[in-house]
């Protein structure tokens, strides 16, 4: 059975394999024994290798050990975890925060805690898989609205039974298309129909908004969304997930989220690294400015070359290829020309939208971006994509 399934995936050009990088995930990496430009990392601000962040992880490991020893409610809450919770709450402008071992665990645990089986969930069609899984695990009635389509969402809201508990679920910044949820329209719509909003700001935190607080700051609706989640593994450069909100909401989640209650606490090093990274985000706004400069340079180059791009508003710049086989061929051609950017294929993205998901970071130099564009031009022309 397993062999047949793998062969079917291979025949459809959907089989996944691991590739090992033998270096830190910076603007360049060591792949198959040679240095190559990396254009697929979510380490947007380069903080995974920032000296302050790395040193914080090392010092926490020396002081607290490599592991936390237990779930946080048993004996696994260490000083770095408590400090990170407080730092996140201050950074996000909320009363409290709660951190988890992973963003995926956060979503599949928090959503079922927020809505019961008698409730109703409306989710954007392009929500992250962890959000979809969290919605399904809740047992609530689950409906999908067309991507960023507030007219469709309102039609669904208008047809629901009066007074039925309702949760609207969306990414803040969509990870595969690079566009942003229309929060300025979504928030008043939810308020009008008495629905709660659950926003996953994994990719927005650190890069969107005047001070980097994320999508809600960018869309100027922070005070109108009482809680949201995100991750520590993208712009923050560490690992884990979080929820921020009122002290009451966080106390409730601490007592009801199964993935928090029954999972060993994250290593102290990751918590200390995340705290240091948030401090760097606040102290070095030039990193965010450099990221957006790099984004414009890469986007302008891609448009000039004539690639078909998704409607991105962010450092995520997907080249839409369509066919998974052609996407794989483009990814391989890019490696041969010195750029690592794997093909993204169904079921991660909808059918007929296979792509190369390019991401740029603050640490890429102009010379590296120009070299990458030259590689993209050669690979694109060789496959008649441009």
Protein backbone atom coordinates (compact mmCIF):
# COMPACT_ATOMS: atom_id res chain seq x y z
CA UNK A 1 0.00 0.00 0.00
CA UNK A 2 2.76 2.44 0.94
CA UNK A 3 4.79 1.71 -2.19
CA UNK A 4 1.74 2.19 -4.41
CA UNK A 5 0.94 5.50 -2.79
CA UNK A 6 4.52 6.74 -3.19
CA UNK A 7 4.57 5.66 -6.84
CA UNK A 8 1.31 7.49 -7.49
CA UNK A 9 2.74 10.66 -5.97
CA UNK A 10 5.91 10.25 -8.03
CA UNK A 11 3.93 9.75 -11.25
CA UNK A 12 2.03 12.99 -10.50
CA UNK A 13 5.28 14.87 -9.74
CA UNK A 14 4.05 15.39 -6.16
CA UNK A 15 6.53 13.20 -4.26
CA UNK A 16 8.45 15.09 -1.60
CA UNK A 17 12.07 14.46 -0.62
CA UNK A 18 14.34 16.08 1.94
CA UNK A 19 17.43 18.07 0.97
CA UNK A 20 20.09 18.71 3.59
CA UNK A 21 21.63 22.13 4.07
CA UNK A 22 25.04 21.98 5.74
CA UNK A 23 25.10 25.54 7.11
CA UNK A 24 22.97 28.12 8.87
CA UNK A 25 20.01 29.43 6.86
CA UNK A 26 21.40 32.80 5.86
CA UNK A 27 21.23 34.60 2.51
CA UNK A 28 23.47 31.82 1.19
CA UNK A 29 23.73 28.20 2.31
CA UNK A 30 25.91 25.18 1.70
CA UNK A 31 23.97 22.69 -0.43
CA UNK A 32 25.51 19.58 -1.97
CA UNK A 33 28.98 20.87 -1.19
CA UNK A 34 28.67 24.33 -2.76
CA UNK A 35 27.54 27.76 -1.67
CA UNK A 36 24.19 28.74 -3.16
CA UNK A 37 21.81 31.71 -2.77
CA UNK A 38 18.82 30.80 -0.57
CA UNK A 39 15.49 32.31 -1.67
CA UNK A 40 13.04 30.17 0.31
CA UNK A 41 13.64 30.89 3.99
CA UNK A 42 11.12 32.59 6.30
CA UNK A 43 14.01 34.07 8.29
CA UNK A 44 12.90 37.45 6.94
CA UNK A 45 14.99 39.69 9.20
CA UNK A 46 18.04 37.42 9.40
CA UNK A 47 17.59 37.05 13.16
CA UNK A 48 18.20 33.29 13.24
CA UNK A 49 21.92 34.08 12.88
CA UNK A 50 22.01 37.49 14.60
CA UNK A 51 24.88 37.44 17.15
CA UNK A 52 22.70 38.74 19.99
CA UNK A 53 20.03 36.12 19.35
CA UNK A 54 22.54 33.27 19.04
CA UNK A 55 24.36 34.31 22.20
CA UNK A 56 21.06 34.44 24.13
CA UNK A 57 20.34 30.85 23.10
CA UNK A 58 23.83 29.71 24.11
CA UNK A 59 23.67 31.43 27.50
CA UNK A 60 20.20 29.99 28.24
CA UNK A 61 21.44 26.50 27.38
CA UNK A 62 24.42 26.89 29.71
CA UNK A 63 22.23 28.08 32.55
CA UNK A 64 19.04 26.04 32.12
CA UNK A 65 20.12 23.00 30.10
CA UNK A 66 19.16 21.64 26.70
CA UNK A 67 15.58 20.66 27.58
CA UNK A 68 12.77 21.86 29.83
CA UNK A 69 12.05 18.50 31.43
CA UNK A 70 8.25 18.61 31.48
CA UNK A 71 5.11 20.38 30.34
CA UNK A 72 4.88 23.95 31.54
CA UNK A 73 2.10 23.18 34.04
CA UNK A 74 4.14 20.37 35.61
CA UNK A 75 7.61 21.81 36.18
CA UNK A 76 8.66 22.93 32.70
CA UNK A 77 8.04 26.67 33.01
CA UNK A 78 11.50 28.17 33.29
CA UNK A 79 12.49 31.81 33.61
CA UNK A 80 13.12 32.18 29.84
CA UNK A 81 9.52 31.05 29.13
CA UNK A 82 8.08 33.54 31.59
CA UNK A 83 10.28 36.32 30.22
CA UNK A 84 9.23 35.53 26.66
CA UNK A 85 5.53 35.60 27.56
CA UNK A 86 5.96 39.02 29.14
CA UNK A 87 8.06 40.33 26.24
CA UNK A 88 5.50 39.19 23.66
CA UNK A 89 2.62 40.81 25.55
CA UNK A 90 4.52 44.10 25.79
CA UNK A 91 5.56 43.97 22.12
CA UNK A 92 2.03 43.20 20.95
CA UNK A 93 0.39 45.67 23.31
CA UNK A 94 -1.76 43.11 25.13
CA UNK A 95 -2.21 42.15 28.76
CA UNK A 96 -0.77 38.67 28.47
CA UNK A 97 0.72 36.03 26.17
CA UNK A 98 1.14 32.28 26.14
CA UNK A 99 3.79 30.40 24.15
CA UNK A 100 3.60 26.90 22.68
CA UNK A 101 6.14 24.46 21.28
CA UNK A 102 5.06 25.13 17.67
CA UNK A 103 2.67 27.26 15.65
CA UNK A 104 0.90 24.15 14.39
CA UNK A 105 0.27 22.99 17.96
CA UNK A 106 -1.04 26.45 18.80
CA UNK A 107 -3.70 26.42 16.09
CA UNK A 108 -4.91 22.85 16.57
CA UNK A 109 -5.23 23.54 20.29
CA UNK A 110 -6.49 27.12 20.55
CA UNK A 111 -9.26 26.97 17.92
CA UNK A 112 -11.05 24.02 19.58
CA UNK A 113 -10.73 25.85 22.90
CA UNK A 114 -12.39 28.97 21.48
CA UNK A 115 -15.46 27.40 19.88
CA UNK A 116 -17.59 24.39 20.78
CA UNK A 117 -19.33 21.83 18.60
CA UNK A 118 -22.50 23.93 18.47
CA UNK A 119 -20.53 26.79 16.89
CA UNK A 120 -19.87 27.85 13.32
CA UNK A 121 -16.50 28.60 11.70
CA UNK A 122 -15.89 30.54 8.47
CA UNK A 123 -12.32 30.26 7.16
CA UNK A 124 -10.53 31.81 4.20
CA UNK A 125 -10.01 29.24 1.44
CA UNK A 126 -6.23 29.72 1.53
CA UNK A 127 -5.78 29.42 5.29
CA UNK A 128 -2.70 27.54 6.48
CA UNK A 129 -3.12 23.79 6.97
CA UNK A 130 -2.79 24.13 10.76
CA UNK A 131 -5.77 26.49 10.81
CA UNK A 132 -7.85 24.11 8.73
CA UNK A 133 -6.91 21.21 11.01
CA UNK A 134 -7.76 23.28 14.09
CA UNK A 135 -11.18 24.10 12.62
CA UNK A 136 -11.88 20.43 11.90
CA UNK A 137 -10.74 19.32 15.36
CA UNK A 138 -13.12 21.77 17.02
CA UNK A 139 -16.12 19.77 15.82
CA UNK A 140 -17.91 23.02 14.92
CA UNK A 141 -19.70 23.39 11.60
CA UNK A 142 -16.99 24.49 9.18
CA UNK A 143 -17.46 26.54 6.01
CA UNK A 144 -14.91 28.10 3.65
CA UNK A 145 -15.25 31.50 1.99
CA UNK A 146 -13.49 32.54 -1.21
CA UNK A 147 -10.02 33.97 -0.68
CA UNK A 148 -10.21 37.54 0.69
CA UNK A 149 -13.81 37.79 -0.61
CA UNK A 150 -15.72 39.83 1.97
CA UNK A 151 -18.91 39.80 -0.12
CA UNK A 152 -18.94 35.99 0.00
CA UNK A 153 -18.19 36.01 3.72
CA UNK A 154 -21.08 38.40 4.36
CA UNK A 155 -23.44 36.17 2.41
CA UNK A 156 -22.46 33.25 4.65
CA UNK A 157 -22.79 35.34 7.82
CA UNK A 158 -26.21 36.59 6.78
CA UNK A 159 -27.53 33.04 6.33
CA UNK A 160 -26.43 31.69 9.70
CA UNK A 161 -28.96 31.13 12.49
CA UNK A 162 -29.30 34.18 14.73
CA UNK A 163 -27.15 34.07 17.84
CA UNK A 164 -25.08 31.06 16.81
CA UNK A 165 -21.47 31.35 18.12
CA UNK A 166 -19.30 32.17 15.11
CA UNK A 167 -15.54 32.33 14.57
CA UNK A 168 -13.93 33.83 11.45
CA UNK A 169 -10.49 32.34 10.81
CA UNK A 170 -7.84 33.87 8.56
CA UNK A 171 -4.13 34.25 8.03
CA UNK A 172 -2.88 37.80 8.44
CA UNK A 173 -0.24 37.47 5.73
CA UNK A 174 -0.87 34.44 3.51
CA UNK A 175 2.22 32.28 3.34
CA UNK A 176 1.90 30.93 -0.20
CA UNK A 177 0.56 33.98 -2.07
CA UNK A 178 2.14 36.80 -0.06
CA UNK A 179 -1.04 38.87 0.11
CA UNK A 180 -2.62 40.36 3.22
CA UNK A 181 -6.05 39.68 4.72
CA UNK A 182 -8.41 42.67 4.22
CA UNK A 183 -8.67 43.29 7.96
CA UNK A 184 -10.05 46.82 7.54
CA UNK A 185 -13.12 45.29 5.91
CA UNK A 186 -13.19 42.02 7.83
CA UNK A 187 -13.22 43.57 11.31
CA UNK A 188 -16.33 45.78 10.86
CA UNK A 189 -18.07 42.89 9.10
CA UNK A 190 -17.42 40.62 12.08
CA UNK A 191 -18.56 43.32 14.48
CA UNK A 192 -21.78 43.86 12.54
CA UNK A 193 -22.67 40.17 12.74
CA UNK A 194 -21.38 39.51 16.25
CA UNK A 195 -18.63 37.12 15.18
CA UNK A 196 -15.22 36.61 16.75
CA UNK A 197 -12.01 36.79 14.66
CA UNK A 198 -9.03 34.45 14.92
CA UNK A 199 -5.96 35.73 13.05
CA UNK A 200 -2.80 33.72 12.39
CA UNK A 201 -0.07 36.34 12.07
CA UNK A 202 2.84 33.92 11.66
CA UNK A 203 4.25 35.67 8.59
CA UNK A 204 3.20 39.23 9.45
CA UNK A 205 4.78 39.50 12.89
CA UNK A 206 8.10 41.33 12.76
CA UNK A 207 7.76 42.69 9.22
CA UNK A 208 4.36 44.40 8.87
CA UNK A 209 3.24 47.55 10.65
CA UNK A 210 5.01 50.74 11.58
CA UNK A 211 6.88 49.05 14.46
CA UNK A 212 6.76 45.46 13.18
CA UNK A 213 3.91 44.32 15.42
CA UNK A 214 2.27 42.67 12.43
CA UNK A 215 -0.82 42.62 10.24
CA UNK A 216 -3.19 44.14 12.78
CA UNK A 217 -0.90 47.13 13.27
CA UNK A 218 -0.44 47.40 9.49
CA UNK A 219 -4.24 47.47 8.99
CA UNK A 220 -4.82 49.73 12.03
CA UNK A 221 -7.24 47.35 13.79
CA UNK A 222 -5.18 46.21 16.78
CA UNK A 223 -7.61 47.56 19.37
CA UNK A 224 -10.56 45.81 17.70
CA UNK A 225 -9.17 42.26 17.59
CA UNK A 226 -9.00 40.97 21.19
CA UNK A 227 -6.60 38.09 20.59
CA UNK A 228 -4.49 36.53 17.85
CA UNK A 229 -1.71 34.00 17.36
CA UNK A 230 1.59 33.86 15.55
CA UNK A 231 4.87 32.01 15.45
CA UNK A 232 8.40 32.58 16.67
CA UNK A 233 9.95 30.75 13.71
CA UNK A 234 9.67 33.28 10.87
CA UNK A 235 10.88 36.88 11.31
CA UNK A 236 11.62 36.21 14.99
CA UNK A 237 14.10 33.55 13.92
CA UNK A 238 13.58 30.98 16.68
CA UNK A 239 10.87 28.33 17.15
CA UNK A 240 7.43 28.01 18.73
CA UNK A 241 3.98 29.57 18.62
CA UNK A 242 2.16 32.14 20.74
CA UNK A 243 -1.23 33.60 21.55
CA UNK A 244 -1.66 37.14 22.87
CA UNK A 245 -4.76 38.72 24.39
CA UNK A 246 -6.37 39.75 27.65
CA UNK A 247 -5.25 38.18 30.92
CA UNK A 248 -8.62 36.41 31.13
CA UNK A 249 -8.35 34.90 27.63
CA UNK A 250 -4.79 33.70 28.27
CA UNK A 251 -5.72 32.18 31.65
CA UNK A 252 -8.61 30.36 29.96
CA UNK A 253 -6.36 29.00 27.18
CA UNK A 254 -3.72 27.92 29.67
CA UNK A 255 -6.39 25.75 31.31
CA UNK A 256 -8.05 24.38 28.15
CA UNK A 257 -5.47 23.99 25.34
CA UNK A 258 -4.53 20.32 25.17
CA UNK A 259 -1.37 20.92 23.13
CA UNK A 260 -0.16 23.30 25.85
CA UNK A 261 -1.18 21.15 28.81
CA UNK A 262 0.23 17.88 27.47
CA UNK A 263 3.35 18.96 25.56
CA UNK A 264 6.82 19.35 27.04
CA UNK A 265 7.83 22.99 27.19
CA UNK A 266 10.09 24.31 24.41
CA UNK A 267 13.83 24.29 25.11
CA UNK A 268 14.94 27.31 27.14
CA UNK A 269 17.31 28.27 24.31
CA UNK A 270 14.47 28.88 21.85
CA UNK A 271 12.56 31.02 24.36
CA UNK A 272 15.64 33.12 25.18
CA UNK A 273 16.46 33.50 21.49
CA UNK A 274 12.93 34.69 20.71
CA UNK A 275 13.06 37.26 23.52
CA UNK A 276 16.36 38.60 22.21
CA UNK A 277 15.01 38.69 18.65
CA UNK A 278 11.99 40.78 19.66
CA UNK A 279 14.35 43.22 21.33
CA UNK A 280 16.44 43.41 18.13
CA UNK A 281 13.27 44.08 16.09
CA UNK A 282 12.51 47.02 18.37
CA UNK A 283 16.08 48.34 18.48
CA UNK A 284 17.04 47.85 14.81
CA UNK A 285 14.19 49.13 12.60
CA UNK A 286 16.71 49.46 9.79
CA UNK A 287 16.50 45.68 9.34
CA UNK A 288 12.83 45.95 8.43
CA UNK A 289 13.58 48.87 6.10
CA UNK A 290 16.31 46.86 4.39
CA UNK A 291 13.93 43.90 3.98
CA UNK A 292 11.41 46.05 2.10
CA UNK A 293 14.13 47.60 -0.06
CA UNK A 294 15.26 44.11 -1.01
CA UNK A 295 11.70 43.07 -1.68
CA UNK A 296 11.23 45.95 -4.13
CA UNK A 297 14.49 45.17 -5.92
CA UNK A 298 13.55 41.52 -6.37
CA UNK A 299 9.92 42.24 -7.32
CA UNK A 300 10.89 44.85 -9.91
CA UNK A 301 13.41 42.46 -11.40
CA UNK A 302 10.90 39.63 -11.64
CA UNK A 303 8.31 41.89 -13.26
CA UNK A 304 10.89 43.20 -15.70
CA UNK A 305 11.76 39.63 -16.71
CA UNK A 306 8.09 38.85 -17.31
CA UNK A 307 7.44 36.11 -14.76
CA UNK A 308 3.84 35.42 -13.77
CA UNK A 309 3.63 36.44 -10.11
CA UNK A 310 0.93 36.07 -7.49
CA UNK A 311 -0.62 39.30 -6.18
CA UNK A 312 1.92 39.64 -3.39
CA UNK A 313 2.17 42.58 -0.97
CA UNK A 314 5.10 41.20 0.99
CA UNK A 315 8.59 39.66 0.87
CA UNK A 316 6.90 36.44 -0.32
CA UNK A 317 7.02 36.53 -4.13
CA UNK A 318 5.56 33.38 -5.74
CA UNK A 319 6.26 32.63 -9.41
CA UNK A 320 3.16 30.79 -10.62
CA UNK A 321 4.10 27.94 -12.97
CA UNK A 322 0.92 25.86 -12.88
CA UNK A 323 2.06 22.34 -13.71
CA UNK A 324 3.92 20.52 -10.89
CA UNK A 325 6.37 18.93 -13.32
CA UNK A 326 7.35 22.30 -14.80
CA UNK A 327 7.68 23.74 -11.29
CA UNK A 328 10.05 20.91 -10.35
CA UNK A 329 12.05 21.50 -13.53
CA UNK A 330 12.33 25.20 -12.75
CA UNK A 331 13.48 24.48 -9.19
CA UNK A 332 16.15 22.09 -10.47
CA UNK A 333 17.30 24.57 -13.11
CA UNK A 334 17.63 27.24 -10.43
CA UNK A 335 19.82 24.98 -8.31
CA UNK A 336 22.06 24.39 -11.31
CA UNK A 337 22.34 28.17 -11.70
CA UNK A 338 23.09 28.75 -7.99
CA UNK A 339 19.70 29.50 -6.40
CA UNK A 340 17.79 27.28 -3.96
CA UNK A 341 14.02 27.84 -4.12
CA UNK A 342 12.03 24.56 -4.05
CA UNK A 343 8.81 23.95 -5.97
CA UNK A 344 5.59 24.24 -3.99
CA UNK A 345 2.94 21.83 -5.25
CA UNK A 346 -0.52 20.52 -4.26
CA UNK A 347 -1.85 19.91 -1.70
CA UNK A 348 0.10 22.82 -0.19
CA UNK A 349 -1.35 25.04 -2.93
CA UNK A 350 -4.50 24.57 -5.05
CA UNK A 351 -4.37 22.41 -8.20
CA UNK A 352 -2.85 24.05 -11.29
CA UNK A 353 -1.05 26.67 -9.17
CA UNK A 354 2.31 24.96 -8.53
CA UNK A 355 4.94 27.60 -8.01
CA UNK A 356 8.37 28.66 -6.94
CA UNK A 357 7.80 30.54 -3.70
CA UNK A 358 10.59 33.10 -3.51
CA UNK A 359 11.28 34.82 -0.21
CA UNK A 360 13.79 37.61 0.35
CA UNK A 361 15.46 38.59 3.62
CA UNK A 362 17.04 41.69 5.09
CA UNK A 363 20.47 40.05 4.88
CA UNK A 364 20.53 39.56 1.11
CA UNK A 365 22.88 41.99 -0.63
CA UNK A 366 22.11 43.83 -3.86
CA UNK A 367 24.76 41.73 -5.58
CA UNK A 368 23.12 38.49 -4.40
CA UNK A 369 19.69 39.67 -5.57
CA UNK A 370 21.08 40.59 -8.98
CA UNK A 371 22.83 37.22 -9.27
CA UNK A 372 19.59 35.49 -8.34
CA UNK A 373 17.67 37.45 -10.98
CA UNK A 374 20.26 36.47 -13.59
CA UNK A 375 19.83 32.82 -12.57
CA UNK A 376 16.05 33.16 -12.72
CA UNK A 377 16.27 34.65 -16.20
CA UNK A 378 18.47 31.82 -17.49
CA UNK A 379 16.29 29.13 -15.90
CA UNK A 380 13.03 30.77 -17.00
CA UNK A 381 14.14 31.15 -20.60
CA UNK A 382 15.45 27.57 -20.77
CA UNK A 383 11.95 26.33 -19.84
CA UNK A 384 10.06 28.90 -21.98
CA UNK A 385 8.46 30.46 -18.90
CA UNK A 386 9.53 33.97 -19.94
